[in-house]
Protein backbone atom coordinates (compact mmCIF):
# COMPACT_ATOMS: atom_id res chain seq x y z
CA MET A 1 -16.99 18.16 31.80
CA SER A 2 -19.86 17.55 34.24
CA ALA A 3 -19.93 18.74 37.84
CA ASP A 4 -18.70 15.39 39.16
CA GLY A 5 -15.73 15.36 36.77
CA ARG A 6 -17.02 12.63 34.46
CA HIS A 7 -16.03 12.65 30.80
CA VAL A 8 -19.09 13.81 28.90
CA ASP A 9 -18.47 14.27 25.17
CA ALA A 10 -21.27 15.43 22.91
CA LEU A 11 -24.24 13.46 21.64
CA ASP A 12 -25.07 9.83 21.24
CA VAL A 13 -23.49 7.80 18.47
CA ALA A 14 -25.40 5.25 16.41
CA ASP A 15 -23.75 2.30 14.74
CA SER A 16 -23.77 3.02 11.00
CA ASN A 17 -24.69 -0.56 10.17
CA SER A 18 -27.04 -1.70 12.89
CA GLY A 19 -28.59 1.64 13.83
CA ASP A 20 -28.30 0.78 17.52
CA ALA A 21 -27.58 3.84 19.63
CA ALA A 22 -24.42 3.59 21.68
CA PHE A 23 -25.67 6.12 24.17
CA SER A 24 -29.11 7.25 25.34
CA ARG A 25 -30.56 10.08 23.25
CA ARG A 26 -30.94 13.51 24.81
CA ARG A 27 -33.70 16.01 24.12
CA PRO A 28 -33.04 17.78 20.79
CA THR A 29 -31.75 21.33 20.92
CA ASP A 30 -33.13 24.01 18.61
CA THR A 31 -30.44 24.76 16.02
CA SER A 32 -31.43 28.37 15.47
CA ALA A 33 -31.25 29.04 19.21
CA ILE A 34 -27.77 27.57 19.33
CA ASP A 35 -26.58 29.51 16.29
CA SER A 36 -27.79 32.76 17.83
CA THR A 37 -25.34 32.33 20.70
CA ILE A 38 -22.30 32.66 18.40
CA THR A 39 -20.90 36.09 19.21
CA HIS A 40 -17.28 35.69 18.10
CA PRO A 41 -16.03 35.10 14.55
CA GLY A 42 -14.74 31.57 14.23
CA SER A 43 -16.69 30.14 17.15
CA VAL A 44 -18.34 26.83 16.36
CA LYS A 45 -20.18 24.03 18.09
CA ILE A 46 -19.64 20.82 16.19
CA ASN A 47 -22.84 18.81 15.85
CA VAL A 48 -21.60 15.25 15.56
CA GLN A 49 -24.99 13.54 15.66
CA GLY A 50 -25.01 10.85 13.01
CA ALA A 51 -21.35 11.39 12.10
CA PHE A 52 -19.73 8.67 10.01
CA ILE A 53 -16.64 8.00 7.91
CA VAL A 54 -17.47 8.33 4.22
CA ASN A 55 -16.90 5.25 2.07
CA GLU A 56 -16.08 6.95 -1.22
CA GLU A 57 -12.61 8.28 -1.89
CA SER A 58 -12.08 11.83 -0.73
CA ALA A 59 -12.56 14.51 -3.34
CA SER A 60 -10.28 16.96 -1.55
CA THR A 61 -7.36 18.35 -3.47
CA THR A 62 -3.75 17.45 -2.85
CA THR A 63 -0.95 19.74 -3.87
CA GLY A 64 1.97 18.13 -5.69
CA THR A 65 4.06 15.39 -4.18
CA ALA A 66 4.47 17.16 -0.85
CA SER A 67 0.98 16.28 0.33
CA HIS A 68 -0.63 13.01 1.34
CA HIS A 69 -4.38 12.43 1.47
CA ASP A 70 -5.58 8.85 1.81
CA THR A 71 -7.56 9.26 5.04
CA ARG A 72 -11.30 9.18 4.48
CA ASP A 73 -13.32 12.24 5.36
CA ILE A 74 -15.85 12.33 8.19
CA ARG A 75 -19.37 13.32 7.23
CA LEU A 76 -21.27 15.55 9.66
CA PRO A 77 -24.82 15.41 8.27
CA ASN A 78 -26.42 17.49 11.01
CA HIS A 79 -23.95 20.33 11.44
CA THR A 80 -25.47 23.56 10.10
CA ALA A 81 -23.61 26.34 11.93
CA VAL A 82 -21.02 28.46 10.17
CA VAL A 83 -17.44 27.18 10.41
CA SER A 84 -14.79 29.82 9.83
CA HIS A 85 -11.64 28.22 11.14
CA ILE A 86 -9.14 25.56 10.14
CA ALA A 87 -6.67 23.62 12.28
CA VAL A 88 -3.10 22.55 11.69
CA ASP A 89 -0.75 20.39 13.73
CA ILE A 90 2.81 21.13 12.65
CA GLY A 91 5.26 18.48 13.84
CA GLY A 92 8.93 17.91 13.23
CA SER A 93 8.33 15.90 10.04
CA LEU A 94 4.71 16.43 8.98
CA ALA A 95 2.06 19.15 9.07
CA LYS A 96 -1.48 17.78 9.44
CA LEU A 97 -4.38 19.96 8.33
CA VAL A 98 -8.09 19.59 9.20
CA TYR A 99 -10.83 21.76 7.74
CA PHE A 100 -14.62 21.74 7.35
CA SER A 101 -16.37 22.02 4.00
CA ARG A 102 -19.93 22.01 2.76
CA GLU A 103 -20.96 19.48 0.14
CA PRO A 104 -20.45 21.35 -3.16
CA GLY A 105 -23.55 21.32 -5.34
CA SER A 106 -25.51 19.30 -2.78
CA THR A 107 -28.90 20.20 -1.35
CA GLU A 108 -28.27 18.03 1.71
CA PRO A 109 -27.47 19.75 5.01
CA GLY A 110 -24.22 19.36 6.87
CA GLY A 111 -20.70 18.98 5.57
CA ARG A 112 -17.52 17.06 6.24
CA LEU A 113 -14.18 17.18 7.98
CA ASN A 114 -11.31 16.92 5.50
CA PHE A 115 -7.80 15.65 6.29
CA ILE A 116 -4.54 16.33 4.46
CA THR A 117 -0.84 16.02 5.31
CA PHE A 118 2.21 17.97 4.13
CA GLU A 119 5.91 17.54 4.79
CA THR A 120 6.99 20.15 7.32
CA GLU A 121 10.10 21.07 5.35
CA LYS A 122 7.70 22.12 2.57
CA VAL A 123 5.51 24.17 4.87
CA ASP A 124 5.12 26.82 2.15
CA THR A 125 3.10 24.28 0.15
CA CYS A 126 0.83 23.82 3.17
CA LEU A 127 0.43 27.61 3.47
CA ASP A 128 -0.46 27.87 -0.23
CA PHE A 129 -3.16 25.25 0.29
CA MET A 130 -4.47 27.16 3.31
CA LYS A 131 -4.63 30.33 1.20
CA GLN A 132 -6.81 28.52 -1.30
CA LEU A 133 -9.04 27.35 1.55
CA LYS A 134 -9.33 30.93 2.71
CA ILE A 135 -10.53 31.98 -0.74
CA LYS A 136 -12.76 29.05 -1.64
CA GLN A 137 -14.00 27.55 1.59
CA GLN A 138 -15.09 30.78 3.26
CA THR A 139 -17.65 31.37 0.53
CA LEU A 140 -18.79 27.75 0.59
CA ASN A 141 -19.02 27.67 4.39
CA GLY A 142 -20.91 30.94 4.60
CA SER A 143 -18.37 32.93 6.58
CA ARG A 144 -17.30 36.48 5.70
CA PRO A 145 -13.81 37.55 4.55
CA GLY A 146 -11.52 38.32 7.46
CA GLU A 147 -13.24 35.90 9.81
CA LEU A 148 -11.00 32.92 9.12
CA CYS A 149 -9.06 31.75 12.17
CA VAL A 150 -6.21 29.23 12.25
CA MET A 151 -5.98 26.93 15.25
CA ALA A 152 -2.38 25.74 15.46
CA THR A 153 -0.72 23.13 17.63
CA GLY A 154 2.53 21.16 17.70
CA GLY A 155 6.02 22.59 17.86
CA GLY A 156 5.55 24.28 14.49
CA ALA A 157 2.72 26.38 15.92
CA TYR A 158 5.48 28.33 17.65
CA LYS A 159 8.28 27.93 15.13
CA TYR A 160 6.15 29.05 12.18
CA TYR A 161 3.74 31.35 14.03
CA ASP A 162 4.89 34.58 12.38
CA LYS A 163 5.17 32.90 8.99
CA VAL A 164 1.56 31.65 9.12
CA ARG A 165 0.20 35.01 10.26
CA GLU A 166 2.06 36.93 7.56
CA ALA A 167 1.19 34.48 4.79
CA LEU A 168 -2.53 34.29 5.55
CA GLY A 169 -3.19 37.62 7.26
CA VAL A 170 -5.49 36.00 9.79
CA GLU A 171 -5.66 35.34 13.50
CA VAL A 172 -3.58 32.35 14.66
CA LEU A 173 -4.37 30.76 18.02
CA ARG A 174 -1.76 28.40 19.47
CA GLU A 175 -3.03 25.45 21.50
CA ASP A 176 -1.19 23.08 23.83
CA GLU A 177 -0.05 19.98 21.96
CA MET A 178 -0.76 17.38 24.65
CA GLU A 179 -4.20 18.77 25.42
CA CYS A 180 -5.13 18.73 21.72
CA LEU A 181 -4.01 15.11 21.41
CA ILE A 182 -6.31 14.09 24.26
CA ILE A 183 -9.29 16.08 22.96
CA GLY A 184 -8.82 14.61 19.50
CA LEU A 185 -8.50 11.03 20.72
CA ASP A 186 -11.49 11.37 23.06
CA PHE A 187 -13.54 12.66 20.12
CA PHE A 188 -12.64 9.70 17.92
CA ILE A 189 -13.18 7.12 20.67
CA THR A 190 -16.57 8.39 21.78
CA GLU A 191 -18.11 9.98 18.71
CA ILE A 192 -17.11 8.31 15.43
CA PRO A 193 -18.42 4.84 14.54
CA GLU A 194 -15.93 2.43 12.97
CA GLU A 195 -12.95 4.61 13.88
CA VAL A 196 -11.18 2.64 16.62
CA PHE A 197 -10.12 -0.96 16.01
CA THR A 198 -7.86 -3.77 17.15
CA TYR A 199 -5.52 -5.53 14.74
CA SER A 200 -4.27 -9.07 14.30
CA GLU A 201 -3.28 -11.21 11.32
CA ASN A 202 -6.45 -13.31 11.72
CA ASP A 203 -8.75 -10.32 12.29
CA PRO A 204 -7.09 -7.31 10.64
CA MET A 205 -9.65 -4.64 11.54
CA HIS A 206 -12.02 -5.46 14.39
CA PHE A 207 -13.94 -2.28 15.21
CA ALA A 208 -14.45 -1.31 18.84
CA GLU A 209 -17.79 0.03 20.03
CA ALA A 210 -17.99 3.76 20.69
CA ARG A 211 -18.31 4.25 24.44
CA ALA A 212 -18.31 6.98 27.08
CA ASP A 213 -16.43 5.15 29.85
CA ILE A 214 -12.91 5.32 28.43
CA TYR A 215 -10.59 6.33 31.29
CA PRO A 216 -7.90 5.63 32.25
CA TYR A 217 -5.84 4.79 29.19
CA LEU A 218 -2.36 5.13 27.72
CA LEU A 219 -1.85 7.16 24.55
CA VAL A 220 1.29 6.29 22.60
CA ASN A 221 1.72 9.07 20.06
CA ILE A 222 4.31 8.14 17.44
CA GLY A 223 5.49 11.07 15.38
CA SER A 224 9.10 12.06 14.74
CA GLY A 225 9.68 10.94 18.32
CA VAL A 226 7.37 9.09 20.70
CA SER A 227 5.39 10.42 23.66
CA MET A 228 3.52 8.20 26.10
CA ILE A 229 0.71 9.90 27.98
CA LYS A 230 -1.34 8.57 30.87
CA VAL A 231 -4.88 9.95 30.57
CA SER A 232 -7.10 9.80 33.65
CA GLY A 233 -9.78 12.26 32.53
CA PRO A 234 -10.59 15.01 29.98
CA THR A 235 -8.15 17.41 31.64
CA GLN A 236 -6.10 14.93 33.67
CA TYR A 237 -3.08 13.69 31.79
CA GLN A 238 0.63 13.24 32.32
CA ARG A 239 3.48 12.47 29.97
CA ILE A 240 5.03 9.45 31.66
CA GLY A 241 7.68 8.56 29.13
CA GLY A 242 8.66 8.15 25.52
CA THR A 243 11.59 7.45 23.23
CA SER A 244 13.60 9.38 20.66
CA LEU A 245 13.44 6.35 18.35
CA GLY A 246 10.31 7.10 16.35
CA GLY A 247 9.12 7.95 12.86
CA GLY A 248 11.89 10.48 12.34
CA THR A 249 14.45 7.78 13.12
CA LEU A 250 12.99 5.43 10.53
CA TRP A 251 12.74 8.21 7.97
CA GLY A 252 16.30 9.41 8.57
CA LEU A 253 18.03 6.04 8.60
CA LEU A 254 16.16 4.69 5.57
CA SER A 255 16.94 7.83 3.60
CA LEU A 256 20.61 7.04 4.26
CA LEU A 257 20.43 3.28 3.76
CA THR A 258 18.01 2.97 0.84
CA GLY A 259 17.93 6.30 -0.94
CA SER A 260 14.15 6.54 -0.49
CA ARG A 261 12.83 10.10 -0.52
CA THR A 262 9.38 9.85 1.08
CA PHE A 263 7.95 8.03 4.07
CA ASP A 264 5.32 6.32 1.91
CA GLU A 265 8.03 5.03 -0.41
CA MET A 266 9.82 3.56 2.61
CA LEU A 267 6.66 1.86 3.83
CA GLY A 268 6.16 0.48 0.34
CA LEU A 269 9.64 -1.01 0.40
CA ALA A 270 8.99 -2.54 3.84
CA GLU A 271 5.81 -4.12 2.49
CA ARG A 272 7.81 -6.03 -0.10
CA GLY A 273 10.83 -6.85 2.06
CA ASP A 274 11.97 -9.89 4.01
CA ASN A 275 13.56 -8.99 7.33
CA ALA A 276 14.99 -12.51 7.66
CA ALA A 277 17.55 -11.51 5.04
CA VAL A 278 19.23 -9.16 7.55
CA ASP A 279 17.84 -10.02 11.00
CA MET A 280 19.19 -12.90 13.06
CA LEU A 281 16.19 -14.99 14.12
CA VAL A 282 15.70 -17.48 16.93
CA GLY A 283 15.58 -20.19 14.25
CA ASP A 284 19.02 -19.14 13.01
CA ILE A 285 20.42 -19.85 16.47
CA TYR A 286 18.40 -22.89 17.59
CA GLY A 287 17.34 -24.28 14.25
CA THR A 288 13.76 -24.36 15.55
CA ASP A 289 11.42 -22.67 18.06
CA TYR A 290 12.53 -22.02 21.63
CA SER A 291 9.16 -23.13 22.89
CA LYS A 292 10.20 -23.38 26.54
CA ILE A 293 10.18 -19.59 26.83
CA GLY A 294 7.55 -18.98 24.16
CA LEU A 295 9.76 -17.84 21.28
CA LYS A 296 8.90 -18.83 17.71
CA SER A 297 11.67 -19.59 15.24
CA SER A 298 10.67 -16.40 13.37
CA THR A 299 11.19 -14.20 16.46
CA ILE A 300 13.90 -11.60 15.93
CA ALA A 301 16.90 -12.32 18.16
CA SER A 302 19.04 -9.49 16.78
CA SER A 303 17.97 -6.75 14.37
CA PHE A 304 20.47 -6.54 11.49
CA GLY A 305 22.33 -9.40 13.18
CA LYS A 306 23.31 -11.07 9.88
CA VAL A 307 24.71 -8.00 8.16
CA PHE A 308 28.23 -8.08 9.61
CA LYS A 309 28.72 -11.72 8.65
CA MET A 310 27.51 -11.07 5.11
CA LYS A 311 29.74 -8.03 4.81
CA ARG A 312 32.73 -10.11 5.87
CA GLU A 313 31.82 -12.78 3.32
CA ALA A 314 31.56 -10.10 0.65
CA GLU A 315 35.02 -8.84 1.48
CA ARG A 316 36.40 -12.38 1.11
CA GLU A 317 34.64 -12.71 -2.27
CA ALA A 318 36.19 -9.42 -3.32
CA GLU A 319 39.67 -10.65 -2.45
CA ASP A 320 39.17 -14.00 -4.18
CA GLY A 321 37.27 -12.71 -7.20
CA GLY A 322 39.35 -9.72 -8.23
CA GLY A 323 37.34 -7.01 -6.51
CA SER A 324 33.70 -6.42 -5.75
CA ALA A 325 31.30 -3.59 -5.08
CA TYR A 326 28.98 -3.53 -2.09
CA ARG A 327 25.50 -2.16 -2.77
CA GLU A 328 22.34 -1.91 -0.72
CA ASP A 329 20.63 -4.30 -3.13
CA GLY A 330 23.14 -7.08 -2.61
CA ILE A 331 26.70 -8.12 -3.36
CA VAL A 332 27.92 -7.58 -6.91
CA ASN A 333 31.12 -9.19 -8.16
CA GLY A 334 33.81 -7.26 -9.95
CA ASP A 335 32.57 -8.49 -13.35
CA GLY A 336 29.13 -7.06 -12.66
CA ARG A 337 27.45 -10.37 -11.93
CA LYS A 338 25.57 -10.65 -8.65
CA SER A 339 26.65 -13.66 -6.59
CA HIS A 340 23.88 -15.32 -4.56
CA ARG A 341 21.30 -12.77 -3.40
CA LYS A 342 22.07 -11.12 -0.06
CA PHE A 343 19.64 -8.35 0.79
CA GLY A 344 18.11 -5.26 -0.74
CA PRO A 345 16.64 -1.92 0.36
CA GLU A 346 13.23 -3.50 0.88
CA ASP A 347 14.71 -5.97 3.40
CA ILE A 348 16.53 -3.17 5.22
CA SER A 349 13.27 -1.18 5.34
CA ARG A 350 11.30 -4.05 6.81
CA SER A 351 13.98 -4.86 9.38
CA LEU A 352 14.25 -1.28 10.62
CA LEU A 353 10.48 -0.88 10.72
CA TYR A 354 10.26 -3.99 12.91
CA ALA A 355 13.12 -2.82 15.13
CA ILE A 356 11.55 0.55 15.88
CA SER A 357 8.01 -0.82 16.22
CA ASN A 358 9.12 -3.61 18.58
CA ASN A 359 11.01 -1.11 20.71
CA ILE A 360 7.99 1.18 20.96
CA GLY A 361 5.67 -1.73 21.73
CA GLN A 362 7.81 -3.04 24.57
CA ILE A 363 8.28 0.39 26.15
CA ALA A 364 4.53 0.99 25.87
CA TYR A 365 3.85 -2.30 27.64
CA LEU A 366 6.29 -1.48 30.45
CA GLN A 367 4.71 1.95 30.97
CA SER A 368 1.20 0.47 30.97
CA GLU A 369 2.31 -2.15 33.50
CA LYS A 370 3.95 0.42 35.74
CA HIS A 371 0.85 2.64 35.74
CA ASN A 372 -1.74 -0.16 35.73
CA LEU A 373 -3.31 0.73 32.37
CA SER A 374 -5.09 -1.94 30.32
CA ASN A 375 -6.10 0.03 27.22
CA ILE A 376 -3.34 1.37 24.97
CA TYR A 377 -4.12 3.65 22.01
CA PHE A 378 -1.50 4.07 19.31
CA GLY A 379 -1.65 7.32 17.35
CA GLY A 380 0.61 9.42 15.17
CA SER A 381 1.60 9.61 11.53
CA PHE A 382 4.24 6.88 11.89
CA ILE A 383 1.52 4.21 11.73
CA ARG A 384 -0.42 5.36 8.66
CA GLY A 385 -2.59 2.25 8.66
CA HIS A 386 0.46 0.15 7.77
CA ARG A 387 -0.41 -3.46 8.57
CA GLN A 388 3.11 -4.60 9.49
CA THR A 389 3.50 -1.73 11.94
CA MET A 390 0.12 -2.38 13.56
CA ASN A 391 0.69 -6.11 13.73
CA THR A 392 4.08 -5.64 15.38
CA LEU A 393 2.76 -3.20 17.99
CA SER A 394 -0.33 -5.31 18.67
CA TYR A 395 1.68 -8.52 18.95
CA ALA A 396 4.14 -6.90 21.36
CA ILE A 397 1.37 -5.78 23.71
CA LYS A 398 -0.41 -9.13 23.53
CA PHE A 399 2.80 -11.14 24.02
CA TRP A 400 4.23 -9.21 26.97
CA SER A 401 0.89 -8.81 28.76
CA GLU A 402 -0.15 -12.41 28.01
CA GLY A 403 -3.32 -11.12 26.39
CA VAL A 404 -4.41 -8.97 29.36
CA LYS A 405 -3.86 -5.58 27.70
CA LYS A 406 -5.28 -4.36 24.39
CA ALA A 407 -3.68 -2.29 21.65
CA TYR A 408 -6.08 0.00 19.79
CA PHE A 409 -5.55 1.84 16.51
CA LEU A 410 -7.44 4.58 14.68
CA ARG A 411 -8.26 5.23 11.05
CA HIS A 412 -7.30 8.90 11.55
CA GLU A 413 -4.36 8.16 13.81
CA GLY A 414 -2.19 10.99 12.49
CA TYR A 415 -4.76 13.72 13.08
CA LEU A 416 -5.41 13.56 16.82
CA GLY A 417 -3.70 16.88 17.53
CA ALA A 418 -5.18 18.67 14.52
CA VAL A 419 -8.72 17.51 15.34
CA GLY A 420 -8.22 18.46 18.98
CA ALA A 421 -7.13 21.96 17.92
CA PHE A 422 -10.12 22.18 15.56
CA LEU A 423 -12.50 21.32 18.39
CA LYS A 424 -10.88 23.81 20.76
CA ARG A 425 -12.51 26.68 18.89
CA GLN A 426 -15.61 26.78 21.08
CA PRO A 427 -17.85 29.47 22.55
CA ARG A 428 -18.16 29.80 26.31
CA ASN A 429 -20.34 27.67 28.56
CA TRP A 430 -21.14 24.73 26.31
CA GLY A 431 -21.15 21.39 28.11
CA ARG A 432 -19.95 18.01 26.96
CA ARG A 433 -22.00 14.83 26.70
CA ASN A 434 -24.95 14.65 29.12
CA SER A 435 -24.19 18.07 30.60
CA LEU A 436 -26.85 20.76 30.74
CA ASP A 437 -26.95 24.36 29.62
CA GLU A 438 -28.30 27.27 31.65
CA GLU A 439 -31.91 26.24 31.07
CA GLY A 440 -31.37 22.55 31.75
CA VAL A 441 -31.66 21.49 28.13
CA GLY A 442 -29.39 18.72 26.87
CA VAL A 443 -26.88 20.51 24.72
CA GLY A 444 -25.79 17.75 22.37
CA TRP A 445 -22.80 19.61 20.98
CA LEU A 446 -19.10 19.08 21.36
CA GLY A 447 -17.50 21.61 23.70
CA ARG A 448 -16.36 22.00 27.27
CA ARG A 449 -17.97 23.97 30.03
CA GLY A 450 -16.03 27.12 30.83
CA ASP A 451 -13.77 27.07 27.76
CA SER A 452 -12.77 30.58 26.77
CA MET A 453 -12.22 31.90 23.27
């Protein structure tokens, strides 16, 4: 942070398509001089000049069915310093891992940030993967054995602290969860082209320009639960609200109602479902739109509002037809023949996804209105790039604010905390964007003045 308190993240960012610089270019810094300042194992200054999201599918390894890796890696073509740490954000449902790797077999400089997710209940699988990183990546990254450091954040950084240390035999540094979220989001907003975007049905992914003037904003982080954080500056933030109805709620209820085992399976069901099969809509009540107050006929009046009526009808059919069985995929008569289709697990999934997303969107709007915030960033593993989720959240913000406020999403929305923890591993006295080092040279590296090891 600069002397006047402005947010000053590292280096200018150029648009990967147009080549236009988003920020004025500073004087280049000699790489060898910077590398010589590293005095602690694991310290790193991330050179993000020219960073971009790779287009090809990630080559990183996943481990069994417990891991999830569909987020594209970020190429750092100009980073040459040794990286000897990895970062993990262990939440109530998911553990998100970020690590740096060189390009195997490539003569090109630089490397990439890799992203992978594990279910927290299978944290041993995550630890096994980290052990493999310790063996393979240290050699590839140029660090020596024993130098690996794990930067940990989230509630699991405390719950599993001893377990991680014993399993890996390395230093584990625990970082504040909220601070890591802000650092990670700031990094993505200001440094990575084609990362932040708005969403609508007509324009599904409209990328926002990378910019330095980003405060204030509201971060809505949707994990197992939901936290809403007002961010006024790099170190000025306050949790102003939230809700217990988040990703864990969806996961838990759908595991009971549909028998689905994984979050991705549930999202897949929701993609195929029709919420009108279980939700009571405005059109069901009025027979048309309620245009006087701006409600379309497809607007949800009551989530799961049709279920009780259908259940009662099924009970009548059972009495009249000699018995029936109720199943999540519809009503089945006693002779095994399904009567007219009612609803299935995919409809339940879509309805519940809408219910939770609408609730989060409205609370986010109310908090942004109360605190006079126009820009709202949605992060967390609940979203996962799922179009129905993003459309619901975006529509809620647009509808309630009458188009005044904007909902933003990220391609790496689930990794804000993990990336923030990764970037926390910094040597002392390295400034952020536009700040100067001791000799008045533009640093051009991501760090914060005065950060300690």
